[in-house]
Amino acid sequence: MEAAGMDLRKWITNDTNLMEQWKKENFDVHPVHETVSLGANETKVLGLSWNSHEDYLTTDTKSLLEFVSLDKNTKRFILQAVGKIFDPLGLISPFTVRMKCLLQDLWKEEIQWDDPLPTHIEKEWKKWREELPHLGNSSTTVGISLRWLGP
C-alpha cells in the first residue's frame, strides 16, 4: 500500500498479541485501543459499529429512526429513507430489499413524487417502519480468523 502512496492509519484488532506487535513496529494504532478501558470497545468499521471485545457488528439505526418518525407517506420520503441506509456488507439486505421492491412498485404505478401513497403500499411502508426499531437490536458475529498472517 505504501508503494501506491496509501498511508494506512488507525489499525485496530481485538487480538492483544497482534496489537503489541503493531505497537513495536510503530503502526498508527486506533486511539480507542491504545489502552483498554470500559466503554472503549466500540468503533466504526465500514459504517457499522464493531464491538471489538465481543467481536460483533451492529447497525446504527438512530438517525434513520429519527427521519422516518416524520411520518410522511410519499414516494420522495421513502426514497430519502432508503437512501439513508448504509449496508456495505449486505448484512441487513433481507430488511432493505423490501423497500427497494416497494420503490419499484411506486415507479410501476407511476406515483408522483409528492402524491399520497396507494393504500396497499402505505400499509407495507408502515409495517416496515414499525419493524425498523428491531433492526438496531440485531448483531452479527464477526469470527474471522487470519491464520495466514503467521503466528
N, C-alpha and C. Protein backbone atom coordinates (compact mmCIF):
# COMPACT_ATOMS: atom_id res chain seq x y z
N MET A 1 0.83 -1.19 0.00
CA MET A 1 0.00 0.00 0.00
C MET A 1 0.87 1.26 0.00
N GLU A 2 2.00 1.18 0.69
CA GLU A 2 2.89 2.33 0.75
C GLU A 2 3.41 2.69 -0.63
N ALA A 3 3.70 1.67 -1.45
CA ALA A 3 4.20 1.91 -2.80
C ALA A 3 3.17 2.66 -3.65
N ALA A 4 1.90 2.48 -3.33
CA ALA A 4 0.83 3.15 -4.06
C ALA A 4 0.52 4.53 -3.47
N GLY A 5 1.26 4.92 -2.43
CA GLY A 5 1.05 6.21 -1.80
C GLY A 5 -0.13 6.24 -0.85
N MET A 6 -0.56 5.06 -0.39
CA MET A 6 -1.69 4.99 0.54
C MET A 6 -1.16 4.74 1.94
N ASP A 7 -1.34 5.72 2.79
CA ASP A 7 -0.87 5.63 4.16
C ASP A 7 -2.00 5.09 5.03
N LEU A 8 -1.94 3.80 5.36
CA LEU A 8 -2.98 3.19 6.19
C LEU A 8 -2.76 3.62 7.64
N ARG A 9 -3.84 4.07 8.27
CA ARG A 9 -3.75 4.56 9.64
C ARG A 9 -4.84 3.94 10.48
N LYS A 10 -4.74 4.16 11.79
CA LYS A 10 -5.74 3.72 12.77
C LYS A 10 -6.01 2.23 12.70
N TRP A 11 -4.95 1.44 12.74
CA TRP A 11 -5.07 -0.01 12.74
C TRP A 11 -5.81 -0.44 14.00
N ILE A 12 -6.61 -1.48 13.87
CA ILE A 12 -7.40 -1.93 15.01
C ILE A 12 -7.54 -3.45 14.95
N THR A 13 -7.49 -4.07 16.10
CA THR A 13 -7.67 -5.51 16.22
C THR A 13 -8.17 -5.83 17.62
N ASN A 14 -8.71 -7.02 17.78
CA ASN A 14 -9.08 -7.46 19.13
C ASN A 14 -8.11 -8.53 19.62
N ASP A 15 -7.04 -8.73 18.89
CA ASP A 15 -6.00 -9.68 19.27
C ASP A 15 -4.88 -8.91 19.98
N THR A 16 -4.71 -9.15 21.27
CA THR A 16 -3.73 -8.38 22.05
C THR A 16 -2.30 -8.61 21.57
N ASN A 17 -1.98 -9.84 21.15
CA ASN A 17 -0.63 -10.11 20.64
C ASN A 17 -0.34 -9.31 19.37
N LEU A 18 -1.30 -9.27 18.48
CA LEU A 18 -1.13 -8.51 17.24
C LEU A 18 -1.04 -7.02 17.54
N MET A 19 -1.83 -6.55 18.49
CA MET A 19 -1.78 -5.13 18.87
C MET A 19 -0.39 -4.76 19.39
N GLU A 20 0.17 -5.62 20.23
CA GLU A 20 1.52 -5.38 20.76
C GLU A 20 2.56 -5.37 19.64
N GLN A 21 2.41 -6.29 18.69
CA GLN A 21 3.33 -6.35 17.55
C GLN A 21 3.26 -5.05 16.74
N TRP A 22 2.05 -4.58 16.50
CA TRP A 22 1.88 -3.34 15.75
C TRP A 22 2.51 -2.16 16.47
N LYS A 23 2.36 -2.11 17.78
CA LYS A 23 2.95 -1.01 18.54
C LYS A 23 4.47 -1.04 18.44
N LYS A 24 5.06 -2.26 18.51
CA LYS A 24 6.51 -2.40 18.38
C LYS A 24 7.00 -1.93 17.02
N GLU A 25 6.17 -2.17 16.00
CA GLU A 25 6.55 -1.79 14.63
C GLU A 25 6.07 -0.39 14.27
N ASN A 26 5.63 0.37 15.28
CA ASN A 26 5.20 1.76 15.12
C ASN A 26 4.05 1.96 14.13
N PHE A 27 3.12 1.02 14.12
CA PHE A 27 1.91 1.20 13.33
C PHE A 27 1.07 2.30 13.98
N ASP A 28 0.31 3.02 13.18
CA ASP A 28 -0.60 4.04 13.69
C ASP A 28 -1.85 3.32 14.20
N VAL A 29 -1.86 3.00 15.51
CA VAL A 29 -2.94 2.23 16.13
C VAL A 29 -4.11 3.15 16.43
N HIS A 30 -5.32 2.63 16.25
CA HIS A 30 -6.53 3.40 16.55
C HIS A 30 -6.48 3.85 18.01
N PRO A 31 -6.71 5.14 18.29
CA PRO A 31 -6.57 5.65 19.67
C PRO A 31 -7.47 4.98 20.69
N VAL A 32 -8.62 4.49 20.28
CA VAL A 32 -9.53 3.82 21.21
C VAL A 32 -8.87 2.60 21.82
N HIS A 33 -7.99 1.96 21.08
CA HIS A 33 -7.42 0.70 21.52
C HIS A 33 -5.98 0.79 22.02
N GLU A 34 -5.49 1.99 22.21
CA GLU A 34 -4.16 2.11 22.79
C GLU A 34 -4.18 1.67 24.24
N THR A 35 -5.27 1.94 24.92
CA THR A 35 -5.47 1.43 26.27
C THR A 35 -6.86 0.83 26.33
N VAL A 36 -6.98 -0.27 27.00
CA VAL A 36 -8.28 -0.93 27.11
C VAL A 36 -9.00 -0.36 28.32
N SER A 37 -10.16 0.20 28.09
CA SER A 37 -10.95 0.73 29.20
C SER A 37 -12.42 0.39 28.95
N LEU A 38 -13.18 0.39 30.01
CA LEU A 38 -14.60 0.07 29.92
C LEU A 38 -15.30 1.09 29.04
N GLY A 39 -16.10 0.61 28.11
CA GLY A 39 -16.84 1.50 27.22
C GLY A 39 -16.07 1.92 25.98
N ALA A 40 -14.82 1.55 25.91
CA ALA A 40 -14.00 1.92 24.75
C ALA A 40 -13.87 0.76 23.78
N ASN A 41 -14.88 -0.08 23.72
CA ASN A 41 -14.77 -1.27 22.90
C ASN A 41 -15.59 -1.20 21.62
N GLU A 42 -16.16 -0.04 21.30
CA GLU A 42 -16.91 0.10 20.05
C GLU A 42 -16.23 1.11 19.16
N THR A 43 -16.15 0.76 17.88
CA THR A 43 -15.58 1.66 16.88
C THR A 43 -16.30 1.46 15.57
N LYS A 44 -16.19 2.42 14.69
CA LYS A 44 -16.84 2.32 13.38
C LYS A 44 -15.92 1.60 12.41
N VAL A 45 -16.48 0.60 11.71
CA VAL A 45 -15.76 -0.14 10.68
C VAL A 45 -16.73 -0.32 9.52
N LEU A 46 -16.35 0.19 8.35
CA LEU A 46 -17.21 0.10 7.16
C LEU A 46 -18.62 0.62 7.42
N GLY A 47 -18.73 1.66 8.23
CA GLY A 47 -20.03 2.25 8.51
C GLY A 47 -20.86 1.51 9.54
N LEU A 48 -20.31 0.45 10.10
CA LEU A 48 -21.00 -0.33 11.13
C LEU A 48 -20.29 -0.16 12.45
N SER A 49 -20.98 -0.40 13.55
CA SER A 49 -20.34 -0.37 14.87
C SER A 49 -19.78 -1.75 15.16
N TRP A 50 -18.50 -1.80 15.49
CA TRP A 50 -17.84 -3.07 15.80
C TRP A 50 -17.47 -3.09 17.27
N ASN A 51 -18.00 -4.05 18.01
CA ASN A 51 -17.61 -4.27 19.39
C ASN A 51 -16.43 -5.23 19.33
N SER A 52 -15.24 -4.69 19.50
CA SER A 52 -14.02 -5.49 19.31
C SER A 52 -13.78 -6.49 20.43
N HIS A 53 -14.30 -6.23 21.61
CA HIS A 53 -14.08 -7.16 22.72
C HIS A 53 -14.95 -8.40 22.60
N GLU A 54 -16.20 -8.21 22.15
CA GLU A 54 -17.10 -9.36 21.99
C GLU A 54 -17.20 -9.79 20.53
N ASP A 55 -16.56 -9.04 19.63
CA ASP A 55 -16.41 -9.36 18.21
C ASP A 55 -17.74 -9.52 17.48
N TYR A 56 -18.54 -8.46 17.48
CA TYR A 56 -19.77 -8.47 16.69
C TYR A 56 -20.01 -7.08 16.08
N LEU A 57 -20.77 -7.06 14.99
CA LEU A 57 -21.12 -5.84 14.28
C LEU A 57 -22.59 -5.52 14.52
N THR A 58 -22.91 -4.24 14.66
CA THR A 58 -24.30 -3.80 14.77
C THR A 58 -24.53 -2.66 13.79
N THR A 59 -25.78 -2.48 13.41
CA THR A 59 -26.17 -1.40 12.51
C THR A 59 -26.75 -0.27 13.34
N ASP A 60 -26.28 0.94 13.10
CA ASP A 60 -26.79 2.10 13.81
C ASP A 60 -28.02 2.63 13.06
N THR A 61 -29.17 2.53 13.67
CA THR A 61 -30.42 2.96 13.02
C THR A 61 -30.99 4.23 13.63
N LYS A 62 -30.25 4.84 14.54
CA LYS A 62 -30.77 6.01 15.26
C LYS A 62 -31.21 7.14 14.33
N SER A 63 -30.35 7.54 13.39
CA SER A 63 -30.71 8.67 12.52
C SER A 63 -31.84 8.29 11.56
N LEU A 64 -31.87 7.05 11.11
CA LEU A 64 -32.96 6.60 10.24
C LEU A 64 -34.29 6.60 11.00
N LEU A 65 -34.26 6.15 12.26
CA LEU A 65 -35.48 6.16 13.08
C LEU A 65 -36.00 7.58 13.27
N GLU A 66 -35.09 8.51 13.51
CA GLU A 66 -35.49 9.91 13.67
C GLU A 66 -36.13 10.43 12.38
N PHE A 67 -35.52 10.06 11.25
CA PHE A 67 -36.03 10.54 9.97
C PHE A 67 -37.42 9.98 9.67
N VAL A 68 -37.61 8.68 9.80
CA VAL A 68 -38.92 8.10 9.46
C VAL A 68 -40.00 8.50 10.47
N SER A 69 -39.60 8.99 11.64
CA SER A 69 -40.60 9.44 12.62
C SER A 69 -41.33 10.69 12.13
N LEU A 70 -40.81 11.34 11.08
CA LEU A 70 -41.51 12.48 10.49
C LEU A 70 -42.82 12.05 9.85
N ASP A 71 -42.94 10.75 9.60
CA ASP A 71 -44.20 10.12 9.19
C ASP A 71 -44.81 10.74 7.93
N LYS A 72 -44.01 10.83 6.89
CA LYS A 72 -44.52 11.29 5.60
C LYS A 72 -44.74 10.07 4.72
N ASN A 73 -45.79 10.08 3.98
CA ASN A 73 -46.14 8.93 3.14
C ASN A 73 -46.14 9.31 1.67
N THR A 74 -44.94 9.58 1.16
CA THR A 74 -44.79 9.92 -0.26
C THR A 74 -43.63 9.12 -0.84
N LYS A 75 -43.60 9.05 -2.16
CA LYS A 75 -42.50 8.37 -2.85
C LYS A 75 -41.17 9.06 -2.53
N ARG A 76 -41.20 10.38 -2.51
CA ARG A 76 -39.98 11.15 -2.22
C ARG A 76 -39.42 10.78 -0.84
N PHE A 77 -40.29 10.69 0.14
CA PHE A 77 -39.86 10.40 1.51
C PHE A 77 -39.31 8.98 1.62
N ILE A 78 -39.97 8.01 0.98
CA ILE A 78 -39.48 6.63 1.02
C ILE A 78 -38.11 6.53 0.37
N LEU A 79 -37.93 7.21 -0.76
CA LEU A 79 -36.63 7.19 -1.43
C LEU A 79 -35.55 7.81 -0.54
N GLN A 80 -35.88 8.89 0.15
CA GLN A 80 -34.93 9.51 1.07
C GLN A 80 -34.57 8.56 2.21
N ALA A 81 -35.56 7.86 2.74
CA ALA A 81 -35.32 6.92 3.84
C ALA A 81 -34.43 5.77 3.39
N VAL A 82 -34.73 5.20 2.24
CA VAL A 82 -33.92 4.09 1.72
C VAL A 82 -32.49 4.56 1.44
N GLY A 83 -32.35 5.80 0.98
CA GLY A 83 -31.03 6.36 0.71
C GLY A 83 -30.18 6.57 1.95
N LYS A 84 -30.80 6.61 3.11
CA LYS A 84 -30.06 6.80 4.36
C LYS A 84 -29.49 5.49 4.91
N ILE A 85 -29.83 4.38 4.29
CA ILE A 85 -29.36 3.08 4.77
C ILE A 85 -28.02 2.77 4.14
N PHE A 86 -27.01 2.55 4.98
CA PHE A 86 -25.68 2.20 4.50
C PHE A 86 -25.37 0.80 4.99
N ASP A 87 -25.28 -0.13 4.07
CA ASP A 87 -25.06 -1.53 4.40
C ASP A 87 -24.07 -2.15 3.41
N PRO A 88 -22.78 -1.77 3.51
CA PRO A 88 -21.81 -2.22 2.51
C PRO A 88 -21.59 -3.73 2.49
N LEU A 89 -21.85 -4.40 3.58
CA LEU A 89 -21.65 -5.85 3.63
C LEU A 89 -22.93 -6.63 3.32
N GLY A 90 -24.04 -5.93 3.18
CA GLY A 90 -25.31 -6.59 2.89
C GLY A 90 -25.89 -7.37 4.06
N LEU A 91 -25.49 -7.02 5.26
CA LEU A 91 -25.94 -7.75 6.45
C LEU A 91 -27.42 -7.58 6.73
N ILE A 92 -27.97 -6.44 6.33
CA ILE A 92 -29.40 -6.22 6.58
C ILE A 92 -30.19 -6.20 5.27
N SER A 93 -29.62 -6.75 4.22
CA SER A 93 -30.30 -6.73 2.92
C SER A 93 -31.67 -7.42 2.93
N PRO A 94 -31.89 -8.48 3.72
CA PRO A 94 -33.25 -9.03 3.76
C PRO A 94 -34.28 -7.99 4.23
N PHE A 95 -33.83 -7.05 5.02
CA PHE A 95 -34.72 -6.00 5.50
C PHE A 95 -34.84 -4.86 4.48
N THR A 96 -33.72 -4.47 3.88
CA THR A 96 -33.73 -3.32 2.98
C THR A 96 -34.30 -3.63 1.60
N VAL A 97 -34.16 -4.86 1.15
CA VAL A 97 -34.64 -5.19 -0.20
C VAL A 97 -36.16 -5.01 -0.31
N ARG A 98 -36.86 -5.16 0.78
CA ARG A 98 -38.32 -4.96 0.77
C ARG A 98 -38.67 -3.53 0.35
N MET A 99 -37.89 -2.56 0.85
CA MET A 99 -38.17 -1.18 0.48
C MET A 99 -37.77 -0.90 -0.96
N LYS A 100 -36.74 -1.56 -1.43
CA LYS A 100 -36.35 -1.38 -2.83
C LYS A 100 -37.43 -1.93 -3.75
N CYS A 101 -38.04 -3.03 -3.36
CA CYS A 101 -39.16 -3.60 -4.13
C CYS A 101 -40.37 -2.67 -4.07
N LEU A 102 -40.58 -2.06 -2.91
CA LEU A 102 -41.69 -1.12 -2.76
C LEU A 102 -41.48 0.09 -3.67
N LEU A 103 -40.25 0.55 -3.77
CA LEU A 103 -39.94 1.66 -4.67
C LEU A 103 -40.21 1.28 -6.12
N GLN A 104 -39.87 0.05 -6.48
CA GLN A 104 -40.17 -0.43 -7.83
C GLN A 104 -41.67 -0.37 -8.10
N ASP A 105 -42.45 -0.79 -7.12
CA ASP A 105 -43.91 -0.74 -7.27
C ASP A 105 -44.40 0.69 -7.47
N LEU A 106 -43.80 1.63 -6.73
CA LEU A 106 -44.18 3.03 -6.88
C LEU A 106 -43.90 3.53 -8.29
N TRP A 107 -42.77 3.12 -8.85
CA TRP A 107 -42.44 3.52 -10.23
C TRP A 107 -43.39 2.87 -11.23
N LYS A 108 -43.67 1.59 -11.03
CA LYS A 108 -44.58 0.88 -11.95
C LYS A 108 -45.96 1.51 -11.96
N GLU A 109 -46.41 1.94 -10.81
CA GLU A 109 -47.75 2.55 -10.70
C GLU A 109 -47.74 4.03 -11.06
N GLU A 110 -46.56 4.53 -11.42
CA GLU A 110 -46.39 5.92 -11.85
C GLU A 110 -46.89 6.93 -10.82
N ILE A 111 -46.60 6.63 -9.56
CA ILE A 111 -46.94 7.55 -8.47
C ILE A 111 -46.00 8.75 -8.54
N GLN A 112 -46.54 9.94 -8.44
CA GLN A 112 -45.73 11.15 -8.49
C GLN A 112 -44.99 11.34 -7.15
N TRP A 113 -43.96 12.16 -7.16
CA TRP A 113 -43.07 12.32 -6.01
C TRP A 113 -43.80 12.66 -4.71
N ASP A 114 -44.74 13.56 -4.76
CA ASP A 114 -45.38 14.04 -3.53
C ASP A 114 -46.85 13.65 -3.42
N ASP A 115 -47.28 12.71 -4.26
CA ASP A 115 -48.65 12.21 -4.16
C ASP A 115 -48.79 11.28 -2.97
N PRO A 116 -49.98 11.20 -2.39
CA PRO A 116 -50.20 10.22 -1.31
C PRO A 116 -50.00 8.80 -1.84
N LEU A 117 -49.55 7.93 -0.98
CA LEU A 117 -49.30 6.54 -1.37
C LEU A 117 -50.62 5.79 -1.52
N PRO A 118 -50.69 4.85 -2.46
CA PRO A 118 -51.86 3.97 -2.51
C PRO A 118 -51.94 3.16 -1.22
N THR A 119 -53.12 2.75 -0.85
CA THR A 119 -53.35 2.08 0.43
C THR A 119 -52.47 0.85 0.63
N HIS A 120 -52.34 0.00 -0.39
CA HIS A 120 -51.55 -1.23 -0.22
C HIS A 120 -50.06 -0.93 -0.03
N ILE A 121 -49.56 0.12 -0.66
CA ILE A 121 -48.15 0.49 -0.49
C ILE A 121 -47.95 1.19 0.85
N GLU A 122 -48.89 2.03 1.24
CA GLU A 122 -48.80 2.70 2.54
C GLU A 122 -48.80 1.67 3.67
N LYS A 123 -49.58 0.62 3.53
CA LYS A 123 -49.63 -0.44 4.54
C LYS A 123 -48.26 -1.12 4.68
N GLU A 124 -47.63 -1.43 3.56
CA GLU A 124 -46.31 -2.07 3.57
C GLU A 124 -45.24 -1.13 4.14
N TRP A 125 -45.31 0.14 3.78
CA TRP A 125 -44.39 1.16 4.29
C TRP A 125 -44.52 1.29 5.81
N LYS A 126 -45.75 1.31 6.30
CA LYS A 126 -46.00 1.41 7.75
C LYS A 126 -45.45 0.18 8.47
N LYS A 127 -45.67 -0.99 7.91
CA LYS A 127 -45.17 -2.23 8.51
C LYS A 127 -43.64 -2.20 8.61
N TRP A 128 -42.98 -1.75 7.55
CA TRP A 128 -41.52 -1.66 7.53
C TRP A 128 -41.02 -0.69 8.60
N ARG A 129 -41.69 0.46 8.72
CA ARG A 129 -41.30 1.45 9.73
C ARG A 129 -41.46 0.90 11.14
N GLU A 130 -42.50 0.09 11.36
CA GLU A 130 -42.72 -0.50 12.69
C GLU A 130 -41.65 -1.54 13.02
N GLU A 131 -41.11 -2.19 12.02
CA GLU A 131 -40.07 -3.20 12.24
C GLU A 131 -38.68 -2.58 12.40
N LEU A 132 -38.51 -1.37 11.92
CA LEU A 132 -37.21 -0.71 11.93
C LEU A 132 -36.53 -0.65 13.30
N PRO A 133 -37.24 -0.34 14.40
CA PRO A 133 -36.56 -0.29 15.70
C PRO A 133 -35.91 -1.63 16.09
N HIS A 134 -36.46 -2.74 15.63
CA HIS A 134 -35.90 -4.05 15.96
C HIS A 134 -34.58 -4.30 15.25
N LEU A 135 -34.35 -3.60 14.17
CA LEU A 135 -33.11 -3.76 13.42
C LEU A 135 -31.90 -3.35 14.26
N GLY A 136 -32.06 -2.33 15.10
CA GLY A 136 -30.98 -1.88 15.97
C GLY A 136 -30.62 -2.88 17.05
N ASN A 137 -31.49 -3.85 17.30
CA ASN A 137 -31.23 -4.88 18.31
C ASN A 137 -30.49 -6.08 17.74
N SER A 138 -30.25 -6.08 16.45
CA SER A 138 -29.60 -7.24 15.83
C SER A 138 -28.09 -7.02 15.76
N SER A 139 -27.37 -8.11 15.78
CA SER A 139 -25.91 -8.05 15.67
C SER A 139 -25.44 -9.27 14.89
N THR A 140 -24.24 -9.15 14.34
CA THR A 140 -23.64 -10.22 13.56
C THR A 140 -22.26 -10.51 14.11
N THR A 141 -22.02 -11.75 14.49
CA THR A 141 -20.70 -12.14 14.98
C THR A 141 -19.72 -12.12 13.82
N VAL A 142 -18.55 -11.57 14.07
CA VAL A 142 -17.55 -11.45 13.01
C VAL A 142 -16.82 -12.77 12.83
N GLY A 143 -16.08 -13.21 13.83
CA GLY A 143 -15.42 -14.51 13.82
C GLY A 143 -14.52 -14.79 12.64
N ILE A 144 -13.67 -13.86 12.28
CA ILE A 144 -12.75 -14.07 11.17
C ILE A 144 -11.39 -14.48 11.72
N SER A 145 -10.84 -15.54 11.19
CA SER A 145 -9.53 -16.00 11.61
C SER A 145 -8.53 -15.71 10.50
N LEU A 146 -7.47 -15.04 10.84
CA LEU A 146 -6.46 -14.69 9.85
C LEU A 146 -5.17 -15.48 10.10
N ARG A 147 -5.27 -16.76 10.10
CA ARG A 147 -4.11 -17.61 10.37
C ARG A 147 -3.02 -17.46 9.31
N TRP A 148 -3.39 -17.10 8.11
CA TRP A 148 -2.42 -16.97 7.04
C TRP A 148 -1.45 -15.82 7.26
N LEU A 149 -1.72 -14.96 8.24
CA LEU A 149 -0.80 -13.87 8.55
C LEU A 149 0.44 -14.35 9.30
N GLY A 150 0.37 -15.54 9.83
CA GLY A 150 1.51 -16.07 10.57
C GLY A 150 1.19 -16.22 12.04
N PRO A 151 2.15 -16.69 12.82
CA PRO A 151 1.90 -16.94 14.25
C PRO A 151 1.66 -15.67 15.03
